[in-house]
Amino acid sequence: MRVWKAILSAFAEREVILVSRLLSANFQRLFKSKNFWIAVIFMYLFPTCELIVSKADQTLHPGKYSRAELSDLLFSGTMLLVVVAAVFVSVFIGTEYSDGTMRNKIVSGHKRGHIYLANLVVCTAAVLMMQTAYFLALLLPGVPLFGWSEMPAVELAIRVLLCLPVLICYAACDLSVCMIVHSKTAGAIVTILAAVIFLMMSVSIVSSLREPEYLAVYEPYVEDGTLFEAIEGNEGLEDAVRNEFYVDGTKRMVYEVFGEICPTSQVVQMAFGGIPEHAGRFPLYDAGIVFVTTMAGILVFRSKDLK
């Protein structure tokens, strides 16, 4: 019995050492990657440009911007990151295939499952650092320029925490494609195209769901030489017309399901303002997506011929 315990202990210790070496090598390669630092710098400079434009507009048009809009900009970075993450992961993993690093890891005794999971950890960490760069670039100069957000701190914290599982989804989905498609070019095309398509679909679907069912009827009138628009009557829906862009029935049900499950739709909803009604289910959907894509990626990668 003691012999078996000693064997299992030695085996477990060896596995831990191999995994730790694998992670260490991956992080070293990450921090030496020019593409990673370019992505981080881009995510830092983008909100800086947003703040400059916003401040210029505020100066030219006083009262146009409110302090609450600073918090809304936080989540536009998470929307942008879906494309930036796709570019980075495809290049980072594609380079491992093209320069033979992936094959060398296997030859040196690393298990394919460990290689996949180590890449997932590193890519997730990279995406989180990019998002952190965006937050810092927005808040450090943004708060002195615009003041702190009027949004309650609890709501802001919840929205930020809800974004974390989405970032892991970005990394997991992009990695599953790039680990299966060993061509750097093909992997980049697939991941970037998918990111853009899902982002556009999410914006379109969330915008459709936010359309009101009825629109109030307005009747313009002139007072003291000024043109005003006032609601015709005060009877609510009796003086309203149905919105032709309102989505209902089965189509609305499909849109709502997509809006809850799709990570980009989750972020778009939070970027448009407020915490969605069923936001508590978002992390569960994200965890399911990460699990499915990771298991599928590992299964395919294990049987993949790297010659």
C-alpha atoms as a PDB file:
ATOM      1  CA  MET A   1       0.000   0.000   0.000  1.00  0.00           C
ATOM      2  CA  ARG A   2       2.807   2.384   0.883  1.00  0.00           C
ATOM      3  CA  VAL A   3       4.499   1.561  -2.401  1.00  0.00           C
ATOM      4  CA  TRP A   4       1.397   2.513  -4.400  1.00  0.00           C
ATOM      5  CA  LYS A   5       1.005   5.732  -2.440  1.00  0.00           C
ATOM      6  CA  ALA A   6       4.624   6.590  -3.139  1.00  0.00           C
ATOM      7  CA  ILE A   7       4.169   5.854  -6.861  1.00  0.00           C
ATOM      8  CA  LEU A   8       0.985   7.974  -7.078  1.00  0.00           C
ATOM      9  CA  SER A   9       2.638  10.783  -5.140  1.00  0.00           C
ATOM     10  CA  ALA A  10       5.666  10.752  -7.440  1.00  0.00           C
ATOM     11  CA  PHE A  11       3.423  10.678 -10.529  1.00  0.00           C
ATOM     12  CA  ALA A  12       1.311  13.589  -9.241  1.00  0.00           C
ATOM     13  CA  GLU A  13       4.437  15.570  -8.383  1.00  0.00           C
ATOM     14  CA  ARG A  14       5.847  14.954 -11.862  1.00  0.00           C
ATOM     15  CA  GLU A  15       2.583  16.105 -13.470  1.00  0.00           C
ATOM     16  CA  VAL A  16       2.533  19.273 -11.375  1.00  0.00           C
ATOM     17  CA  ILE A  17       6.124  20.048 -12.351  1.00  0.00           C
ATOM     18  CA  LEU A  18       5.392  19.518 -16.054  1.00  0.00           C
ATOM     19  CA  VAL A  19       2.276  21.706 -15.941  1.00  0.00           C
ATOM     20  CA  SER A  20       4.056  24.459 -14.003  1.00  0.00           C
ATOM     21  CA  ARG A  21       6.907  24.423 -16.533  1.00  0.00           C
ATOM     22  CA  LEU A  22       4.401  24.566 -19.356  1.00  0.00           C
ATOM     23  CA  LEU A  23       2.615  27.555 -17.825  1.00  0.00           C
ATOM     24  CA  SER A  24       5.902  29.292 -17.075  1.00  0.00           C
ATOM     25  CA  ALA A  25       7.073  28.871 -20.680  1.00  0.00           C
ATOM     26  CA  ASN A  26       3.727  30.116 -22.017  1.00  0.00           C
ATOM     27  CA  PHE A  27       3.740  33.234 -19.864  1.00  0.00           C
ATOM     28  CA  GLN A  28       7.338  33.981 -20.817  1.00  0.00           C
ATOM     29  CA  ARG A  29       6.364  33.755 -24.480  1.00  0.00           C
ATOM     30  CA  LEU A  30       3.307  35.935 -23.810  1.00  0.00           C
ATOM     31  CA  PHE A  31       5.282  38.744 -22.200  1.00  0.00           C
ATOM     32  CA  LYS A  32       7.836  38.600 -25.022  1.00  0.00           C
ATOM     33  CA  SER A  33       5.107  38.743 -27.661  1.00  0.00           C
ATOM     34  CA  LYS A  34       4.971  42.028 -29.579  1.00  0.00           C
ATOM     35  CA  ASN A  35       1.412  41.258 -30.636  1.00  0.00           C
ATOM     36  CA  PHE A  36       0.324  41.061 -26.996  1.00  0.00           C
ATOM     37  CA  TRP A  37       1.802  44.439 -26.125  1.00  0.00           C
ATOM     38  CA  ILE A  38       0.393  45.994 -29.281  1.00  0.00           C
ATOM     39  CA  ALA A  39      -3.068  44.756 -28.232  1.00  0.00           C
ATOM     40  CA  VAL A  40      -2.602  46.095 -24.688  1.00  0.00           C
ATOM     41  CA  ILE A  41      -1.424  49.487 -25.969  1.00  0.00           C
ATOM     42  CA  PHE A  42      -4.337  49.639 -28.412  1.00  0.00           C
ATOM     43  CA  MET A  43      -6.823  48.870 -25.622  1.00  0.00           C
ATOM     44  CA  TYR A  44      -5.183  51.626 -23.574  1.00  0.00           C
ATOM     45  CA  LEU A  45      -5.126  54.243 -26.313  1.00  0.00           C
ATOM     46  CA  PHE A  46      -8.665  53.626 -27.611  1.00  0.00           C
ATOM     47  CA  PRO A  47     -10.478  54.969 -24.500  1.00  0.00           C
ATOM     48  CA  THR A  48      -7.989  57.838 -24.348  1.00  0.00           C
ATOM     49  CA  CYS A  49      -9.153  58.907 -27.798  1.00  0.00           C
ATOM     50  CA  GLU A  50     -12.780  58.464 -26.699  1.00  0.00           C
ATOM     51  CA  LEU A  51     -12.208  60.755 -23.714  1.00  0.00           C
ATOM     52  CA  ILE A  52     -10.502  63.413 -25.832  1.00  0.00           C
ATOM     53  CA  VAL A  53     -13.383  63.460 -28.325  1.00  0.00           C
ATOM     54  CA  SER A  54     -15.976  63.460 -25.525  1.00  0.00           C
ATOM     55  CA  LYS A  55     -14.271  66.317 -23.703  1.00  0.00           C
ATOM     56  CA  ALA A  56     -14.010  68.330 -26.912  1.00  0.00           C
ATOM     57  CA  ASP A  57     -17.718  67.776 -27.605  1.00  0.00           C
ATOM     58  CA  GLN A  58     -18.591  68.685 -24.026  1.00  0.00           C
ATOM     59  CA  THR A  59     -16.638  71.932 -24.368  1.00  0.00           C
ATOM     60  CA  LEU A  60     -18.298  72.802 -27.665  1.00  0.00           C
ATOM     61  CA  HIS A  61     -21.767  71.633 -26.596  1.00  0.00           C
ATOM     62  CA  PRO A  62     -22.159  72.132 -22.808  1.00  0.00           C
ATOM     63  CA  GLY A  63     -24.665  69.810 -21.176  1.00  0.00           C
ATOM     64  CA  LYS A  64     -24.528  67.199 -23.918  1.00  0.00           C
ATOM     65  CA  TYR A  65     -22.594  64.685 -21.799  1.00  0.00           C
ATOM     66  CA  SER A  66     -23.564  63.540 -18.335  1.00  0.00           C
ATOM     67  CA  ARG A  67     -21.285  61.922 -15.781  1.00  0.00           C
ATOM     68  CA  ALA A  68     -23.202  58.655 -16.062  1.00  0.00           C
ATOM     69  CA  GLU A  69     -21.969  58.205 -19.618  1.00  0.00           C
ATOM     70  CA  LEU A  70     -18.432  57.612 -18.355  1.00  0.00           C
ATOM     71  CA  SER A  71     -19.582  54.312 -16.822  1.00  0.00           C
ATOM     72  CA  ASP A  72     -21.283  53.342 -20.085  1.00  0.00           C
ATOM     73  CA  LEU A  73     -17.953  53.691 -21.894  1.00  0.00           C
ATOM     74  CA  LEU A  74     -16.492  51.013 -19.624  1.00  0.00           C
ATOM     75  CA  PHE A  75     -18.471  48.312 -21.372  1.00  0.00           C
ATOM     76  CA  SER A  76     -17.925  49.511 -24.917  1.00  0.00           C
ATOM     77  CA  GLY A  77     -14.347  48.292 -24.390  1.00  0.00           C
ATOM     78  CA  THR A  78     -15.610  44.784 -23.658  1.00  0.00           C
ATOM     79  CA  MET A  79     -17.541  44.907 -26.931  1.00  0.00           C
ATOM     80  CA  LEU A  80     -14.406  45.983 -28.776  1.00  0.00           C
ATOM     81  CA  LEU A  81     -12.342  43.303 -27.062  1.00  0.00           C
ATOM     82  CA  VAL A  82     -14.239  40.500 -28.806  1.00  0.00           C
ATOM     83  CA  VAL A  83     -12.442  41.472 -32.035  1.00  0.00           C
ATOM     84  CA  VAL A  84      -9.087  42.299 -30.412  1.00  0.00           C
ATOM     85  CA  ALA A  85      -9.073  38.952 -28.573  1.00  0.00           C
ATOM     86  CA  ALA A  86      -9.813  37.098 -31.803  1.00  0.00           C
ATOM     87  CA  VAL A  87      -6.845  38.742 -33.508  1.00  0.00           C
ATOM     88  CA  PHE A  88      -4.460  38.134 -30.610  1.00  0.00           C
ATOM     89  CA  VAL A  89      -5.393  34.494 -29.912  1.00  0.00           C
ATOM     90  CA  SER A  90      -5.263  33.520 -33.579  1.00  0.00           C
ATOM     91  CA  VAL A  91      -1.783  35.017 -33.988  1.00  0.00           C
ATOM     92  CA  PHE A  92      -0.470  33.754 -30.626  1.00  0.00           C
ATOM     93  CA  ILE A  93      -1.615  30.145 -31.139  1.00  0.00           C
ATOM     94  CA  GLY A  94      -0.963  30.159 -34.873  1.00  0.00           C
ATOM     95  CA  THR A  95       2.665  31.078 -34.191  1.00  0.00           C
ATOM     96  CA  GLU A  96       3.011  28.006 -31.963  1.00  0.00           C
ATOM     97  CA  TYR A  97       2.035  25.840 -34.914  1.00  0.00           C
ATOM     98  CA  SER A  98       4.084  27.669 -37.527  1.00  0.00           C
ATOM     99  CA  ASP A  99       7.365  27.742 -35.587  1.00  0.00           C
ATOM    100  CA  GLY A 100       7.037  24.143 -34.326  1.00  0.00           C
ATOM    101  CA  THR A 101       6.559  25.032 -30.650  1.00  0.00           C
ATOM    102  CA  MET A 102       3.381  22.973 -30.387  1.00  0.00           C
ATOM    103  CA  ARG A 103       5.053  19.867 -31.773  1.00  0.00           C
ATOM    104  CA  ASN A 104       8.102  20.353 -29.540  1.00  0.00           C
ATOM    105  CA  LYS A 105       5.906  20.472 -26.444  1.00  0.00           C
ATOM    106  CA  ILE A 106       4.400  17.102 -27.313  1.00  0.00           C
ATOM    107  CA  VAL A 107       7.799  15.576 -28.120  1.00  0.00           C
ATOM    108  CA  SER A 108       9.163  16.765 -24.761  1.00  0.00           C
ATOM    109  CA  GLY A 109       6.509  14.751 -22.918  1.00  0.00           C
ATOM    110  CA  HIS A 110       3.665  17.196 -22.304  1.00  0.00           C
ATOM    111  CA  LYS A 111       0.147  15.819 -22.598  1.00  0.00           C
ATOM    112  CA  ARG A 112      -2.080  17.414 -25.197  1.00  0.00           C
ATOM    113  CA  GLY A 113      -4.776  18.103 -22.619  1.00  0.00           C
ATOM    114  CA  HIS A 114      -2.274  19.966 -20.465  1.00  0.00           C
ATOM    115  CA  ILE A 115      -1.027  21.933 -23.472  1.00  0.00           C
ATOM    116  CA  TYR A 116      -4.561  22.981 -24.344  1.00  0.00           C
ATOM    117  CA  LEU A 117      -5.475  24.021 -20.794  1.00  0.00           C
ATOM    118  CA  ALA A 118      -2.188  25.891 -20.342  1.00  0.00           C
ATOM    119  CA  ASN A 119      -2.929  27.853 -23.507  1.00  0.00           C
ATOM    120  CA  LEU A 120      -6.431  28.559 -22.200  1.00  0.00           C
ATOM    121  CA  VAL A 121      -5.021  29.955 -18.941  1.00  0.00           C
ATOM    122  CA  VAL A 122      -2.508  32.175 -20.750  1.00  0.00           C
ATOM    123  CA  CYS A 123      -4.987  33.452 -23.360  1.00  0.00           C
ATOM    124  CA  THR A 124      -7.566  34.191 -20.652  1.00  0.00           C
ATOM    125  CA  ALA A 125      -4.957  36.073 -18.618  1.00  0.00           C
ATOM    126  CA  ALA A 126      -3.975  38.063 -21.712  1.00  0.00           C
ATOM    127  CA  VAL A 127      -7.587  39.055 -22.446  1.00  0.00           C
ATOM    128  CA  LEU A 128      -8.123  40.075 -18.802  1.00  0.00           C
ATOM    129  CA  MET A 129      -5.001  42.250 -18.912  1.00  0.00           C
ATOM    130  CA  MET A 130      -6.222  43.921 -22.088  1.00  0.00           C
ATOM    131  CA  GLN A 131      -9.552  44.701 -20.438  1.00  0.00           C
ATOM    132  CA  THR A 132      -7.742  46.011 -17.348  1.00  0.00           C
ATOM    133  CA  ALA A 133      -5.675  48.325 -19.555  1.00  0.00           C
ATOM    134  CA  TYR A 134      -8.909  49.677 -21.032  1.00  0.00           C
ATOM    135  CA  PHE A 135     -10.468  50.261 -17.604  1.00  0.00           C
ATOM    136  CA  LEU A 136      -7.381  52.048 -16.285  1.00  0.00           C
ATOM    137  CA  ALA A 137      -7.041  54.240 -19.362  1.00  0.00           C
ATOM    138  CA  LEU A 138     -10.705  55.233 -19.081  1.00  0.00           C
ATOM    139  CA  LEU A 139     -10.931  55.817 -15.333  1.00  0.00           C
ATOM    140  CA  LEU A 140      -7.596  57.463 -14.481  1.00  0.00           C
ATOM    141  CA  PRO A 141      -8.073  60.505 -16.751  1.00  0.00           C
ATOM    142  CA  GLY A 142     -11.861  60.089 -17.113  1.00  0.00           C
ATOM    143  CA  VAL A 143     -12.821  60.666 -13.481  1.00  0.00           C
ATOM    144  CA  PRO A 144     -10.915  63.983 -13.187  1.00  0.00           C
ATOM    145  CA  LEU A 145     -12.356  65.126 -16.528  1.00  0.00           C
ATOM    146  CA  PHE A 146     -15.994  64.058 -16.110  1.00  0.00           C
ATOM    147  CA  GLY A 147     -16.351  63.225 -12.420  1.00  0.00           C
ATOM    148  CA  TRP A 148     -17.323  59.858 -10.963  1.00  0.00           C
ATOM    149  CA  SER A 149     -20.309  58.051 -12.383  1.00  0.00           C
ATOM    150  CA  GLU A 150     -23.770  58.749 -11.004  1.00  0.00           C
ATOM    151  CA  MET A 151     -24.433  55.030 -11.283  1.00  0.00           C
ATOM    152  CA  PRO A 152     -24.634  53.305  -7.866  1.00  0.00           C
ATOM    153  CA  ALA A 153     -21.349  51.613  -6.967  1.00  0.00           C
ATOM    154  CA  VAL A 154     -23.090  48.265  -6.394  1.00  0.00           C
ATOM    155  CA  GLU A 155     -24.648  48.274  -9.860  1.00  0.00           C
ATOM    156  CA  LEU A 156     -21.343  49.244 -11.454  1.00  0.00           C
ATOM    157  CA  ALA A 157     -19.514  46.455  -9.581  1.00  0.00           C
ATOM    158  CA  ILE A 158     -22.121  43.874 -10.623  1.00  0.00           C
ATOM    159  CA  ARG A 159     -21.862  44.891 -14.276  1.00  0.00           C
ATOM    160  CA  VAL A 160     -18.055  44.658 -14.155  1.00  0.00           C
ATOM    161  CA  LEU A 161     -18.197  41.224 -12.492  1.00  0.00           C
ATOM    162  CA  LEU A 162     -20.677  40.009 -15.110  1.00  0.00           C
ATOM    163  CA  CYS A 163     -18.145  40.945 -17.795  1.00  0.00           C
ATOM    164  CA  LEU A 164     -15.458  38.627 -16.383  1.00  0.00           C
ATOM    165  CA  PRO A 165     -17.108  35.334 -17.503  1.00  0.00           C
ATOM    166  CA  VAL A 166     -17.652  36.913 -20.921  1.00  0.00           C
ATOM    167  CA  LEU A 167     -13.917  37.570 -21.268  1.00  0.00           C
ATOM    168  CA  ILE A 168     -13.190  33.924 -20.433  1.00  0.00           C
ATOM    169  CA  CYS A 169     -15.703  32.952 -23.134  1.00  0.00           C
ATOM    170  CA  TYR A 170     -13.862  35.102 -25.656  1.00  0.00           C
ATOM    171  CA  ALA A 171     -10.588  33.319 -24.904  1.00  0.00           C
ATOM    172  CA  ALA A 172     -12.138  29.829 -24.802  1.00  0.00           C
ATOM    173  CA  CYS A 173     -14.066  30.170 -28.071  1.00  0.00           C
ATOM    174  CA  ASP A 174     -11.158  31.694 -29.983  1.00  0.00           C
ATOM    175  CA  LEU A 175      -8.742  29.109 -28.587  1.00  0.00           C
ATOM    176  CA  SER A 176     -10.948  26.163 -29.565  1.00  0.00           C
ATOM    177  CA  VAL A 177     -10.918  27.344 -33.182  1.00  0.00           C
ATOM    178  CA  CYS A 178      -7.198  28.130 -33.296  1.00  0.00           C
ATOM    179  CA  MET A 179      -6.135  24.863 -31.643  1.00  0.00           C
ATOM    180  CA  ILE A 180      -8.152  22.912 -34.204  1.00  0.00           C
ATOM    181  CA  VAL A 181      -7.216  25.025 -37.237  1.00  0.00           C
ATOM    182  CA  HIS A 182      -3.414  25.023 -37.216  1.00  0.00           C
ATOM    183  CA  SER A 183      -3.117  27.578 -40.032  1.00  0.00           C
ATOM    184  CA  LYS A 184      -2.495  31.047 -38.601  1.00  0.00           C
ATOM    185  CA  THR A 185      -4.242  32.743 -41.520  1.00  0.00           C
ATOM    186  CA  ALA A 186      -7.255  30.441 -41.519  1.00  0.00           C
ATOM    187  CA  GLY A 187      -7.603  30.671 -37.743  1.00  0.00           C
ATOM    188  CA  ALA A 188      -7.457  34.469 -37.859  1.00  0.00           C
ATOM    189  CA  ILE A 189     -10.072  34.665 -40.622  1.00  0.00           C
ATOM    190  CA  VAL A 190     -12.502  32.350 -38.831  1.00  0.00           C
ATOM    191  CA  THR A 191     -12.185  33.935 -35.380  1.00  0.00           C
ATOM    192  CA  ILE A 192     -12.249  37.551 -36.564  1.00  0.00           C
ATOM    193  CA  LEU A 193     -15.145  36.960 -38.940  1.00  0.00           C
ATOM    194  CA  ALA A 194     -17.109  35.149 -36.216  1.00  0.00           C
ATOM    195  CA  ALA A 195     -16.383  37.948 -33.726  1.00  0.00           C
ATOM    196  CA  VAL A 196     -17.600  40.659 -36.108  1.00  0.00           C
ATOM    197  CA  ILE A 197     -20.714  38.704 -37.125  1.00  0.00           C
ATOM    198  CA  PHE A 198     -21.741  37.907 -33.530  1.00  0.00           C
ATOM    199  CA  LEU A 199     -21.100  41.493 -32.443  1.00  0.00           C
ATOM    200  CA  MET A 200     -23.221  42.919 -35.274  1.00  0.00           C
ATOM    201  CA  MET A 201     -25.968  40.382 -34.619  1.00  0.00           C
ATOM    202  CA  SER A 202     -25.903  41.195 -30.894  1.00  0.00           C
ATOM    203  CA  VAL A 203     -26.206  44.943 -31.455  1.00  0.00           C
ATOM    204  CA  SER A 204     -29.047  44.427 -33.936  1.00  0.00           C
ATOM    205  CA  ILE A 205     -30.951  41.981 -31.720  1.00  0.00           C
ATOM    206  CA  VAL A 206     -30.570  43.981 -28.504  1.00  0.00           C
ATOM    207  CA  SER A 207     -31.618  47.158 -30.337  1.00  0.00           C
ATOM    208  CA  SER A 208     -34.718  45.367 -31.645  1.00  0.00           C
ATOM    209  CA  LEU A 209     -35.631  44.091 -28.185  1.00  0.00           C
ATOM    210  CA  ARG A 210     -35.366  47.612 -26.770  1.00  0.00           C
ATOM    211  CA  GLU A 211     -37.901  48.977 -29.251  1.00  0.00           C
ATOM    212  CA  PRO A 212     -41.133  50.060 -27.459  1.00  0.00           C
ATOM    213  CA  GLU A 213     -44.360  48.355 -28.466  1.00  0.00           C
ATOM    214  CA  TYR A 214     -46.187  51.668 -28.871  1.00  0.00           C
ATOM    215  CA  LEU A 215     -45.050  55.131 -29.918  1.00  0.00           C
ATOM    216  CA  ALA A 216     -46.723  58.278 -28.620  1.00  0.00           C
ATOM    217  CA  VAL A 217     -48.382  60.550 -31.161  1.00  0.00           C
ATOM    218  CA  TYR A 218     -46.831  64.021 -31.272  1.00  0.00           C
ATOM    219  CA  GLU A 219     -48.490  67.156 -32.526  1.00  0.00           C
ATOM    220  CA  PRO A 220     -46.174  70.127 -33.203  1.00  0.00           C
ATOM    221  CA  TYR A 221     -47.248  73.626 -32.186  1.00  0.00           C
ATOM    222  CA  VAL A 222     -45.719  77.110 -32.208  1.00  0.00           C
ATOM    223  CA  GLU A 223     -45.495  79.323 -29.125  1.00  0.00           C
ATOM    224  CA  ASP A 224     -43.815  82.734 -29.087  1.00  0.00           C
ATOM    225  CA  GLY A 225     -42.228  81.979 -32.430  1.00  0.00           C
ATOM    226  CA  THR A 226     -40.718  78.658 -31.188  1.00  0.00           C
ATOM    227  CA  LEU A 227     -41.683  75.239 -32.540  1.00  0.00           C
ATOM    228  CA  PHE A 228     -42.572  72.696 -29.827  1.00  0.00           C
ATOM    229  CA  GLU A 229     -43.719  69.059 -29.937  1.00  0.00           C
ATOM    230  CA  ALA A 230     -46.252  67.877 -27.382  1.00  0.00           C
ATOM    231  CA  ILE A 231     -48.001  64.567 -26.813  1.00  0.00           C
ATOM    232  CA  GLU A 232     -51.516  64.698 -28.198  1.00  0.00           C
ATOM    233  CA  GLY A 233     -53.696  64.082 -25.132  1.00  0.00           C
ATOM    234  CA  ASN A 234     -52.773  62.517 -21.783  1.00  0.00           C
ATOM    235  CA  GLU A 235     -54.429  59.142 -22.112  1.00  0.00           C
ATOM    236  CA  GLY A 236     -51.229  57.068 -22.586  1.00  0.00           C
ATOM    237  CA  LEU A 237     -51.659  54.232 -25.026  1.00  0.00           C
ATOM    238  CA  GLU A 238     -54.937  55.577 -26.326  1.00  0.00           C
ATOM    239  CA  ASP A 239     -52.904  58.280 -28.079  1.00  0.00           C
ATOM    240  CA  ALA A 240     -50.157  55.993 -29.278  1.00  0.00           C
ATOM    241  CA  VAL A 241     -49.557  53.974 -32.407  1.00  0.00           C
ATOM    242  CA  ARG A 242     -48.002  50.524 -32.630  1.00  0.00           C
ATOM    243  CA  ASN A 243     -44.292  50.523 -33.422  1.00  0.00           C
ATOM    244  CA  GLU A 244     -43.666  48.699 -36.700  1.00  0.00           C
ATOM    245  CA  PHE A 245     -40.171  47.744 -35.514  1.00  0.00           C
ATOM    246  CA  TYR A 246     -41.416  46.065 -32.320  1.00  0.00           C
ATOM    247  CA  VAL A 247     -40.563  42.341 -32.216  1.00  0.00           C
ATOM    248  CA  ASP A 248     -43.083  39.946 -30.685  1.00  0.00           C
ATOM    249  CA  GLY A 249     -44.183  36.323 -30.770  1.00  0.00           C
ATOM    250  CA  THR A 250     -41.756  33.497 -31.547  1.00  0.00           C
ATOM    251  CA  LYS A 251     -39.222  35.865 -33.049  1.00  0.00           C
ATOM    252  CA  ARG A 252     -39.008  37.815 -29.799  1.00  0.00           C
ATOM    253  CA  MET A 253     -38.604  34.588 -27.833  1.00  0.00           C
ATOM    254  CA  VAL A 254     -35.697  33.533 -30.087  1.00  0.00           C
ATOM    255  CA  TYR A 255     -34.106  36.973 -29.749  1.00  0.00           C
ATOM    256  CA  GLU A 256     -34.389  36.858 -25.963  1.00  0.00           C
ATOM    257  CA  VAL A 257     -32.799  33.401 -25.768  1.00  0.00           C
ATOM    258  CA  PHE A 258     -29.957  34.508 -28.031  1.00  0.00           C
ATOM    259  CA  GLY A 259     -29.529  37.672 -25.959  1.00  0.00           C
ATOM    260  CA  GLU A 260     -29.134  35.658 -22.775  1.00  0.00           C
ATOM    261  CA  ILE A 261     -26.851  32.924 -24.092  1.00  0.00           C
ATOM    262  CA  CYS A 262     -24.548  34.816 -26.481  1.00  0.00           C
ATOM    263  CA  PRO A 263     -21.657  36.474 -24.553  1.00  0.00           C
ATOM    264  CA  THR A 264     -21.472  39.467 -26.907  1.00  0.00           C
ATOM    265  CA  SER A 265     -25.209  40.077 -26.475  1.00  0.00           C
ATOM    266  CA  GLN A 266     -24.752  40.034 -22.704  1.00  0.00           C
ATOM    267  CA  VAL A 267     -22.139  42.781 -22.955  1.00  0.00           C
ATOM    268  CA  VAL A 268     -24.193  44.826 -25.417  1.00  0.00           C
ATOM    269  CA  GLN A 269     -27.142  44.765 -23.005  1.00  0.00           C
ATOM    270  CA  MET A 270     -24.945  46.030 -20.172  1.00  0.00           C
ATOM    271  CA  ALA A 271     -23.326  48.624 -22.428  1.00  0.00           C
ATOM    272  CA  PHE A 272     -26.754  49.973 -23.363  1.00  0.00           C
ATOM    273  CA  GLY A 273     -27.363  50.647 -19.679  1.00  0.00           C
ATOM    274  CA  GLY A 274     -28.600  48.834 -16.604  1.00  0.00           C
ATOM    275  CA  ILE A 275     -28.457  45.251 -15.427  1.00  0.00           C
ATOM    276  CA  PRO A 276     -30.677  42.955 -17.537  1.00  0.00           C
ATOM    277  CA  GLU A 277     -33.553  41.235 -15.748  1.00  0.00           C
ATOM    278  CA  HIS A 278     -32.065  37.745 -16.084  1.00  0.00           C
ATOM    279  CA  ALA A 279     -28.410  38.750 -15.712  1.00  0.00           C
ATOM    280  CA  GLY A 280     -27.990  36.246 -12.879  1.00  0.00           C
ATOM    281  CA  ARG A 281     -28.106  33.459 -15.470  1.00  0.00           C
ATOM    282  CA  PHE A 282     -25.363  34.969 -17.636  1.00  0.00           C
ATOM    283  CA  PRO A 283     -22.419  33.351 -15.769  1.00  0.00           C
ATOM    284  CA  LEU A 284     -24.116  29.945 -16.018  1.00  0.00           C
ATOM    285  CA  TYR A 285     -24.469  30.235 -19.782  1.00  0.00           C
ATOM    286  CA  ASP A 286     -20.885  31.461 -20.058  1.00  0.00           C
ATOM    287  CA  ALA A 287     -19.607  28.557 -17.962  1.00  0.00           C
ATOM    288  CA  GLY A 288     -21.498  26.148 -20.209  1.00  0.00           C
ATOM    289  CA  ILE A 289     -19.981  27.697 -23.342  1.00  0.00           C
ATOM    290  CA  VAL A 290     -16.474  27.526 -21.874  1.00  0.00           C
ATOM    291  CA  PHE A 291     -16.970  23.885 -20.864  1.00  0.00           C
ATOM    292  CA  VAL A 292     -18.395  22.778 -24.228  1.00  0.00           C
ATOM    293  CA  THR A 293     -15.836  24.608 -26.375  1.00  0.00           C
ATOM    294  CA  THR A 294     -12.938  23.457 -24.176  1.00  0.00           C
ATOM    295  CA  MET A 295     -14.000  19.798 -24.154  1.00  0.00           C
ATOM    296  CA  ALA A 296     -14.601  19.865 -27.910  1.00  0.00           C
ATOM    297  CA  GLY A 297     -11.266  21.553 -28.509  1.00  0.00           C
ATOM    298  CA  ILE A 298      -9.364  19.054 -26.344  1.00  0.00           C
ATOM    299  CA  LEU A 299     -11.026  16.047 -27.993  1.00  0.00           C
ATOM    300  CA  VAL A 300     -10.184  17.258 -31.498  1.00  0.00           C
ATOM    301  CA  PHE A 301      -6.681  18.402 -30.528  1.00  0.00           C
ATOM    302  CA  ARG A 302      -5.877  14.999 -29.004  1.00  0.00           C
ATOM    303  CA  SER A 303      -6.546  13.260 -32.313  1.00  0.00           C
ATOM    304  CA  LYS A 304      -4.965  15.958 -34.472  1.00  0.00           C
ATOM    305  CA  ASP A 305      -1.964  15.043 -36.629  1.00  0.00           C
ATOM    306  CA  LEU A 306       0.698  17.740 -36.173  1.00  0.00           C
ATOM    307  CA  LYS A 307       3.095  16.475 -38.853  1.00  0.00           C
END
